[in-house]
Amino acid sequence: MRRAVTVTVAGLAGIFVVLAAIGGDLRAQTTATSQALLSFDADIRPIVSRNCWSCHGADQRSELDLRTRTGMLAGGRLGQAV
C-alpha cells in the first residue's frame, strides 16, 4: 500500500512539473506583440500520452483518466490531479 501511494504521489508530482514547465515556457515566449495559446490536443496530449497513459489511459489506475482534458480536470480516486 505504501509503495502504491508513493508511486501515485510521484506520478502526480511529475504531472505538476510538466504543466509548470509548459506554463513557464509560454510566459517566456510571450511578447508585447504576440501571445502563444496553449492547446490541450496540440501541446498537452502528446506529453501526457508519452509519460502517463501507460497507467492513466485506458487502464485508469486510481480511477485517473488523463486521455482527455475533462478526465484530467476531474481527477481520480485521490482527488483532483491538476
PDB file of N, CA and C in Angstrom:
ATOM      1  N   MET A   1       0.832  -1.193   0.000  1.00  0.00           N
ATOM      2  CA  MET A   1       0.000   0.000   0.000  1.00  0.00           C
ATOM      3  C   MET A   1       0.870   1.248   0.000  1.00  0.00           C
ATOM      4  N   ARG A   2       1.932   1.234   0.836  1.00  0.00           N
ATOM      5  CA  ARG A   2       2.800   2.401   0.935  1.00  0.00           C
ATOM      6  C   ARG A   2       3.476   2.676  -0.407  1.00  0.00           C
ATOM      7  N   ARG A   3       3.891   1.617  -1.109  1.00  0.00           N
ATOM      8  CA  ARG A   3       4.535   1.791  -2.411  1.00  0.00           C
ATOM      9  C   ARG A   3       3.554   2.399  -3.413  1.00  0.00           C
ATOM     10  N   ALA A   4       2.306   1.944  -3.391  1.00  0.00           N
ATOM     11  CA  ALA A   4       1.299   2.472  -4.317  1.00  0.00           C
ATOM     12  C   ALA A   4       1.075   3.957  -4.077  1.00  0.00           C
ATOM     13  N   VAL A   5       1.033   4.359  -2.825  1.00  0.00           N
ATOM     14  CA  VAL A   5       0.844   5.780  -2.510  1.00  0.00           C
ATOM     15  C   VAL A   5       2.054   6.575  -2.967  1.00  0.00           C
ATOM     16  N   THR A   6       3.267   6.043  -2.743  1.00  0.00           N
ATOM     17  CA  THR A   6       4.493   6.727  -3.159  1.00  0.00           C
ATOM     18  C   THR A   6       4.526   6.887  -4.670  1.00  0.00           C
ATOM     19  N   VAL A   7       4.185   5.834  -5.406  1.00  0.00           N
ATOM     20  CA  VAL A   7       4.169   5.890  -6.865  1.00  0.00           C
ATOM     21  C   VAL A   7       3.120   6.894  -7.339  1.00  0.00           C
ATOM     22  N   THR A   8       1.952   6.898  -6.718  1.00  0.00           N
ATOM     23  CA  THR A   8       0.893   7.828  -7.101  1.00  0.00           C
ATOM     24  C   THR A   8       1.320   9.263  -6.850  1.00  0.00           C
ATOM     25  N   VAL A   9       1.889   9.532  -5.701  1.00  0.00           N
ATOM     26  CA  VAL A   9       2.346  10.889  -5.380  1.00  0.00           C
ATOM     27  C   VAL A   9       3.445  11.314  -6.340  1.00  0.00           C
ATOM     28  N   ALA A  10       4.363  10.410  -6.657  1.00  0.00           N
ATOM     29  CA  ALA A  10       5.435  10.731  -7.598  1.00  0.00           C
ATOM     30  C   ALA A  10       4.864  11.024  -8.984  1.00  0.00           C
ATOM     31  N   GLY A  11       3.878  10.262  -9.408  1.00  0.00           N
ATOM     32  CA  GLY A  11       3.249  10.500 -10.709  1.00  0.00           C
ATOM     33  C   GLY A  11       2.541  11.834 -10.772  1.00  0.00           C
ATOM     34  N   LEU A  12       1.810  12.160  -9.737  1.00  0.00           N
ATOM     35  CA  LEU A  12       1.112  13.445  -9.698  1.00  0.00           C
ATOM     36  C   LEU A  12       2.105  14.600  -9.659  1.00  0.00           C
ATOM     37  N   ALA A  13       3.183  14.429  -8.916  1.00  0.00           N
ATOM     38  CA  ALA A  13       4.211  15.471  -8.869  1.00  0.00           C
ATOM     39  C   ALA A  13       4.809  15.669 -10.258  1.00  0.00           C
ATOM     40  N   GLY A  14       4.995  14.582 -10.992  1.00  0.00           N
ATOM     41  CA  GLY A  14       5.510  14.683 -12.358  1.00  0.00           C
ATOM     42  C   GLY A  14       4.582  15.468 -13.265  1.00  0.00           C
ATOM     43  N   ILE A  15       3.285  15.254 -13.127  1.00  0.00           N
ATOM     44  CA  ILE A  15       2.310  15.996 -13.929  1.00  0.00           C
ATOM     45  C   ILE A  15       2.404  17.477 -13.619  1.00  0.00           C
ATOM     46  N   PHE A  16       2.487  17.825 -12.345  1.00  0.00           N
ATOM     47  CA  PHE A  16       2.590  19.231 -11.960  1.00  0.00           C
ATOM     48  C   PHE A  16       3.854  19.864 -12.526  1.00  0.00           C
ATOM     49  N   VAL A  17       4.971  19.129 -12.514  1.00  0.00           N
ATOM     50  CA  VAL A  17       6.227  19.655 -13.045  1.00  0.00           C
ATOM     51  C   VAL A  17       6.098  19.916 -14.540  1.00  0.00           C
ATOM     52  N   VAL A  18       5.505  18.975 -15.263  1.00  0.00           N
ATOM     53  CA  VAL A  18       5.325  19.145 -16.711  1.00  0.00           C
ATOM     54  C   VAL A  18       4.449  20.356 -17.007  1.00  0.00           C
ATOM     55  N   LEU A  19       3.329  20.475 -16.311  1.00  0.00           N
ATOM     56  CA  LEU A  19       2.432  21.604 -16.552  1.00  0.00           C
ATOM     57  C   LEU A  19       3.077  22.926 -16.158  1.00  0.00           C
ATOM     58  N   ALA A  20       3.852  22.940 -15.082  1.00  0.00           N
ATOM     59  CA  ALA A  20       4.549  24.162 -14.672  1.00  0.00           C
ATOM     60  C   ALA A  20       5.602  24.545 -15.704  1.00  0.00           C
ATOM     61  N   ALA A  21       6.298  23.556 -16.249  1.00  0.00           N
ATOM     62  CA  ALA A  21       7.313  23.836 -17.260  1.00  0.00           C
ATOM     63  C   ALA A  21       6.683  24.400 -18.523  1.00  0.00           C
ATOM     64  N   ILE A  22       5.554  23.855 -18.916  1.00  0.00           N
ATOM     65  CA  ILE A  22       4.858  24.364 -20.097  1.00  0.00           C
ATOM     66  C   ILE A  22       4.413  25.795 -19.859  1.00  0.00           C
ATOM     67  N   GLY A  23       3.843  26.058 -18.698  1.00  0.00           N
ATOM     68  CA  GLY A  23       3.392  27.411 -18.372  1.00  0.00           C
ATOM     69  C   GLY A  23       4.544  28.396 -18.327  1.00  0.00           C
ATOM     70  N   GLY A  24       5.669  28.003 -17.724  1.00  0.00           N
ATOM     71  CA  GLY A  24       6.841  28.881 -17.661  1.00  0.00           C
ATOM     72  C   GLY A  24       7.400  29.156 -19.035  1.00  0.00           C
ATOM     73  N   ASP A  25       7.421  28.134 -19.890  1.00  0.00           N
ATOM     74  CA  ASP A  25       7.916  28.303 -21.248  1.00  0.00           C
ATOM     75  C   ASP A  25       7.027  29.253 -22.032  1.00  0.00           C
ATOM     76  N   LEU A  26       5.724  29.162 -21.874  1.00  0.00           N
ATOM     77  CA  LEU A  26       4.812  30.063 -22.584  1.00  0.00           C
ATOM     78  C   LEU A  26       4.992  31.499 -22.128  1.00  0.00           C
ATOM     79  N   ARG A  27       5.169  31.715 -20.831  1.00  0.00           N
ATOM     80  CA  ARG A  27       5.376  33.078 -20.336  1.00  0.00           C
ATOM     81  C   ARG A  27       6.658  33.659 -20.910  1.00  0.00           C
ATOM     82  N   ALA A  28       7.688  32.836 -21.039  1.00  0.00           N
ATOM     83  CA  ALA A  28       8.956  33.312 -21.574  1.00  0.00           C
ATOM     84  C   ALA A  28       8.836  33.683 -23.047  1.00  0.00           C
ATOM     85  N   GLN A  29       7.978  32.999 -23.792  1.00  0.00           N
ATOM     86  CA  GLN A  29       7.846  33.241 -25.221  1.00  0.00           C
ATOM     87  C   GLN A  29       6.867  34.359 -25.557  1.00  0.00           C
ATOM     88  N   THR A  30       6.056  34.757 -24.615  1.00  0.00           N
ATOM     89  CA  THR A  30       5.058  35.784 -24.877  1.00  0.00           C
ATOM     90  C   THR A  30       5.734  37.138 -25.004  1.00  0.00           C
ATOM     91  N   THR A  31       5.385  37.864 -26.054  1.00  0.00           N
ATOM     92  CA  THR A  31       5.929  39.208 -26.255  1.00  0.00           C
ATOM     93  C   THR A  31       4.784  40.198 -26.261  1.00  0.00           C
ATOM     94  N   ALA A  32       5.129  41.477 -26.349  1.00  0.00           N
ATOM     95  CA  ALA A  32       4.107  42.524 -26.365  1.00  0.00           C
ATOM     96  C   ALA A  32       3.258  42.442 -27.627  1.00  0.00           C
ATOM     97  N   THR A  33       3.810  41.895 -28.710  1.00  0.00           N
ATOM     98  CA  THR A  33       3.078  41.874 -29.977  1.00  0.00           C
ATOM     99  C   THR A  33       2.355  40.571 -30.249  1.00  0.00           C
ATOM    100  N   SER A  34       2.719  39.494 -29.531  1.00  0.00           N
ATOM    101  CA  SER A  34       2.048  38.213 -29.782  1.00  0.00           C
ATOM    102  C   SER A  34       1.931  37.427 -28.492  1.00  0.00           C
ATOM    103  N   GLN A  35       0.892  36.603 -28.421  1.00  0.00           N
ATOM    104  CA  GLN A  35       0.685  35.737 -27.270  1.00  0.00           C
ATOM    105  C   GLN A  35       0.492  34.312 -27.766  1.00  0.00           C
ATOM    106  N   ALA A  36       1.214  33.385 -27.151  1.00  0.00           N
ATOM    107  CA  ALA A  36       1.078  31.976 -27.512  1.00  0.00           C
ATOM    108  C   ALA A  36      -0.149  31.401 -26.816  1.00  0.00           C
ATOM    109  N   LEU A  37      -0.942  30.632 -27.551  1.00  0.00           N
ATOM    110  CA  LEU A  37      -2.107  29.958 -26.977  1.00  0.00           C
ATOM    111  C   LEU A  37      -1.769  28.491 -26.776  1.00  0.00           C
ATOM    112  N   LEU A  38      -2.150  27.957 -25.651  1.00  0.00           N
ATOM    113  CA  LEU A  38      -1.894  26.573 -25.315  1.00  0.00           C
ATOM    114  C   LEU A  38      -3.109  25.735 -25.684  1.00  0.00           C
ATOM    115  N   SER A  39      -2.882  24.666 -26.422  1.00  0.00           N
ATOM    116  CA  SER A  39      -3.954  23.773 -26.846  1.00  0.00           C
ATOM    117  C   SER A  39      -3.749  22.407 -26.188  1.00  0.00           C
ATOM    118  N   PHE A  40      -4.805  21.857 -25.585  1.00  0.00           N
ATOM    119  CA  PHE A  40      -4.690  20.541 -24.961  1.00  0.00           C
ATOM    120  C   PHE A  40      -4.274  19.500 -25.995  1.00  0.00           C
ATOM    121  N   ASP A  41      -4.962  19.470 -27.143  1.00  0.00           N
ATOM    122  CA  ASP A  41      -4.674  18.449 -28.148  1.00  0.00           C
ATOM    123  C   ASP A  41      -3.281  18.590 -28.754  1.00  0.00           C
ATOM    124  N   ALA A  42      -2.847  19.811 -29.009  1.00  0.00           N
ATOM    125  CA  ALA A  42      -1.560  20.019 -29.667  1.00  0.00           C
ATOM    126  C   ALA A  42      -0.382  20.029 -28.696  1.00  0.00           C
ATOM    127  N   ASP A  43      -0.577  20.552 -27.492  1.00  0.00           N
ATOM    128  CA  ASP A  43       0.543  20.767 -26.585  1.00  0.00           C
ATOM    129  C   ASP A  43       0.587  19.811 -25.390  1.00  0.00           C
ATOM    130  N   ILE A  44      -0.542  19.552 -24.772  1.00  0.00           N
ATOM    131  CA  ILE A  44      -0.577  18.752 -23.548  1.00  0.00           C
ATOM    132  C   ILE A  44      -0.685  17.258 -23.844  1.00  0.00           C
ATOM    133  N   ARG A  45      -1.613  16.884 -24.732  1.00  0.00           N
ATOM    134  CA  ARG A  45      -1.861  15.461 -25.017  1.00  0.00           C
ATOM    135  C   ARG A  45      -0.588  14.695 -25.401  1.00  0.00           C
ATOM    136  N   PRO A  46       0.296  15.218 -26.273  1.00  0.00           N
ATOM    137  CA  PRO A  46       1.496  14.444 -26.624  1.00  0.00           C
ATOM    138  C   PRO A  46       2.402  14.155 -25.422  1.00  0.00           C
ATOM    139  N   ILE A  47       2.543  15.102 -24.518  1.00  0.00           N
ATOM    140  CA  ILE A  47       3.385  14.905 -23.334  1.00  0.00           C
ATOM    141  C   ILE A  47       2.764  13.866 -22.411  1.00  0.00           C
ATOM    142  N   VAL A  48       1.471  14.014 -22.164  1.00  0.00           N
ATOM    143  CA  VAL A  48       0.775  13.094 -21.263  1.00  0.00           C
ATOM    144  C   VAL A  48       0.726  11.691 -21.864  1.00  0.00           C
ATOM    145  N   SER A  49       0.533  11.588 -23.168  1.00  0.00           N
ATOM    146  CA  SER A  49       0.463  10.258 -23.787  1.00  0.00           C
ATOM    147  C   SER A  49       1.801   9.531 -23.682  1.00  0.00           C
ATOM    148  N   ARG A  50       2.900  10.244 -23.826  1.00  0.00           N
ATOM    149  CA  ARG A  50       4.224   9.619 -23.706  1.00  0.00           C
ATOM    150  C   ARG A  50       4.540   9.202 -22.274  1.00  0.00           C
ATOM    151  N   ASN A  51       4.132   9.995 -21.308  1.00  0.00           N
ATOM    152  CA  ASN A  51       4.597   9.803 -19.937  1.00  0.00           C
ATOM    153  C   ASN A  51       3.571   9.235 -18.962  1.00  0.00           C
ATOM    154  N   CYS A  52       2.293   9.295 -19.288  1.00  0.00           N
ATOM    155  CA  CYS A  52       1.277   8.977 -18.277  1.00  0.00           C
ATOM    156  C   CYS A  52       0.264   7.916 -18.701  1.00  0.00           C
ATOM    157  N   TRP A  53       0.023   7.763 -19.987  1.00  0.00           N
ATOM    158  CA  TRP A  53      -1.065   6.908 -20.437  1.00  0.00           C
ATOM    159  C   TRP A  53      -0.865   5.438 -20.128  1.00  0.00           C
ATOM    160  N   SER A  54       0.360   4.990 -19.922  1.00  0.00           N
ATOM    161  CA  SER A  54       0.548   3.567 -19.624  1.00  0.00           C
ATOM    162  C   SER A  54      -0.190   3.182 -18.337  1.00  0.00           C
ATOM    163  N   CYS A  55      -0.339   4.119 -17.412  1.00  0.00           N
ATOM    164  CA  CYS A  55      -1.075   3.854 -16.163  1.00  0.00           C
ATOM    165  C   CYS A  55      -2.412   4.587 -16.093  1.00  0.00           C
ATOM    166  N   HIS A  56      -2.504   5.743 -16.713  1.00  0.00           N
ATOM    167  CA  HIS A  56      -3.696   6.574 -16.564  1.00  0.00           C
ATOM    168  C   HIS A  56      -4.372   6.855 -17.904  1.00  0.00           C
ATOM    169  N   GLY A  57      -4.319   5.874 -18.805  1.00  0.00           N
ATOM    170  CA  GLY A  57      -5.048   5.948 -20.062  1.00  0.00           C
ATOM    171  C   GLY A  57      -6.272   5.059 -19.935  1.00  0.00           C
ATOM    172  N   ALA A  58      -6.357   4.046 -20.775  1.00  0.00           N
ATOM    173  CA  ALA A  58      -7.490   3.122 -20.711  1.00  0.00           C
ATOM    174  C   ALA A  58      -7.496   2.347 -19.393  1.00  0.00           C
ATOM    175  N   ASP A  59      -6.304   2.103 -18.820  1.00  0.00           N
ATOM    176  CA  ASP A  59      -6.170   1.366 -17.558  1.00  0.00           C
ATOM    177  C   ASP A  59      -6.764   2.140 -16.382  1.00  0.00           C
ATOM    178  N   GLN A  60      -6.634   3.446 -16.370  1.00  0.00           N
ATOM    179  CA  GLN A  60      -7.178   4.351 -15.349  1.00  0.00           C
ATOM    180  C   GLN A  60      -6.810   3.933 -13.932  1.00  0.00           C
ATOM    181  N   ARG A  61      -5.533   3.710 -13.688  1.00  0.00           N
ATOM    182  CA  ARG A  61      -5.077   3.412 -12.328  1.00  0.00           C
ATOM    183  C   ARG A  61      -5.499   4.552 -11.405  1.00  0.00           C
ATOM    184  N   SER A  62      -5.961   4.227 -10.232  1.00  0.00           N
ATOM    185  CA  SER A  62      -6.509   5.190  -9.250  1.00  0.00           C
ATOM    186  C   SER A  62      -7.700   5.961  -9.812  1.00  0.00           C
ATOM    187  N   GLU A  63      -8.346   5.372 -10.816  1.00  0.00           N
ATOM    188  CA  GLU A  63      -9.513   5.988 -11.462  1.00  0.00           C
ATOM    189  C   GLU A  63      -9.195   7.355 -12.064  1.00  0.00           C
ATOM    190  N   LEU A  64      -7.928   7.571 -12.424  1.00  0.00           N
ATOM    191  CA  LEU A  64      -7.498   8.830 -13.032  1.00  0.00           C
ATOM    192  C   LEU A  64      -7.317   8.614 -14.523  1.00  0.00           C
ATOM    193  N   ASP A  65      -8.134   9.267 -15.323  1.00  0.00           N
ATOM    194  CA  ASP A  65      -8.097   9.143 -16.779  1.00  0.00           C
ATOM    195  C   ASP A  65      -7.515  10.424 -17.362  1.00  0.00           C
ATOM    196  N   LEU A  66      -6.303  10.334 -17.910  1.00  0.00           N
ATOM    197  CA  LEU A  66      -5.629  11.507 -18.452  1.00  0.00           C
ATOM    198  C   LEU A  66      -5.714  11.583 -19.974  1.00  0.00           C
ATOM    199  N   ARG A  67      -6.646  10.841 -20.570  1.00  0.00           N
ATOM    200  CA  ARG A  67      -6.774  10.865 -22.029  1.00  0.00           C
ATOM    201  C   ARG A  67      -7.482  12.108 -22.529  1.00  0.00           C
ATOM    202  N   THR A  68      -8.268  12.756 -21.689  1.00  0.00           N
ATOM    203  CA  THR A  68      -8.998  13.951 -22.110  1.00  0.00           C
ATOM    204  C   THR A  68      -8.794  15.070 -21.098  1.00  0.00           C
ATOM    205  N   ARG A  69      -9.027  16.276 -21.537  1.00  0.00           N
ATOM    206  CA  ARG A  69      -8.938  17.441 -20.647  1.00  0.00           C
ATOM    207  C   ARG A  69      -9.940  17.297 -19.500  1.00  0.00           C
ATOM    208  N   THR A  70     -11.140  16.847 -19.830  1.00  0.00           N
ATOM    209  CA  THR A  70     -12.188  16.664 -18.827  1.00  0.00           C
ATOM    210  C   THR A  70     -11.769  15.643 -17.772  1.00  0.00           C
ATOM    211  N   GLY A  71     -11.219  14.517 -18.212  1.00  0.00           N
ATOM    212  CA  GLY A  71     -10.760  13.495 -17.277  1.00  0.00           C
ATOM    213  C   GLY A  71      -9.629  13.992 -16.394  1.00  0.00           C
ATOM    214  N   MET A  72      -8.714  14.762 -16.972  1.00  0.00           N
ATOM    215  CA  MET A  72      -7.596  15.306 -16.215  1.00  0.00           C
ATOM    216  C   MET A  72      -8.095  16.270 -15.137  1.00  0.00           C
ATOM    217  N   LEU A  73      -9.033  17.131 -15.504  1.00  0.00           N
ATOM    218  CA  LEU A  73      -9.553  18.110 -14.553  1.00  0.00           C
ATOM    219  C   LEU A  73     -10.442  17.464 -13.491  1.00  0.00           C
ATOM    220  N   ALA A  74     -11.102  16.351 -13.840  1.00  0.00           N
ATOM    221  CA  ALA A  74     -11.976  15.669 -12.882  1.00  0.00           C
ATOM    222  C   ALA A  74     -11.180  15.002 -11.765  1.00  0.00           C
ATOM    223  N   GLY A  75      -9.981  14.534 -12.081  1.00  0.00           N
ATOM    224  CA  GLY A  75      -9.169  13.858 -11.067  1.00  0.00           C
ATOM    225  C   GLY A  75      -9.538  12.399 -10.940  1.00  0.00           C
ATOM    226  N   GLY A  76      -9.005  11.764  -9.903  1.00  0.00           N
ATOM    227  CA  GLY A  76      -9.236  10.340  -9.702  1.00  0.00           C
ATOM    228  C   GLY A  76      -9.699  10.044  -8.294  1.00  0.00           C
ATOM    229  N   ARG A  77      -9.409   8.821  -7.865  1.00  0.00           N
ATOM    230  CA  ARG A  77      -9.847   8.364  -6.553  1.00  0.00           C
ATOM    231  C   ARG A  77      -9.270   9.221  -5.422  1.00  0.00           C
ATOM    232  N   LEU A  78      -8.089   9.770  -5.607  1.00  0.00           N
ATOM    233  CA  LEU A  78      -7.444  10.577  -4.569  1.00  0.00           C
ATOM    234  C   LEU A  78      -7.737  12.067  -4.707  1.00  0.00           C
ATOM    235  N   GLY A  79      -8.632  12.433  -5.618  1.00  0.00           N
ATOM    236  CA  GLY A  79      -8.998  13.841  -5.785  1.00  0.00           C
ATOM    237  C   GLY A  79      -8.465  14.421  -7.080  1.00  0.00           C
ATOM    238  N   GLN A  80      -8.438  15.734  -7.151  1.00  0.00           N
ATOM    239  CA  GLN A  80      -8.004  16.423  -8.361  1.00  0.00           C
ATOM    240  C   GLN A  80      -6.508  16.242  -8.581  1.00  0.00           C
ATOM    241  N   ALA A  81      -6.129  16.107  -9.846  1.00  0.00           N
ATOM    242  CA  ALA A  81      -4.722  15.949 -10.203  1.00  0.00           C
ATOM    243  C   ALA A  81      -4.132  17.254 -10.717  1.00  0.00           C
ATOM    244  N   VAL A  82      -4.972  18.079 -11.274  1.00  0.00           N
ATOM    245  CA  VAL A  82      -4.499  19.350 -11.843  1.00  0.00           C
ATOM    246  C   VAL A  82      -5.317  20.473 -11.264  1.00  0.00           C
TER     247      VAL A  82
END
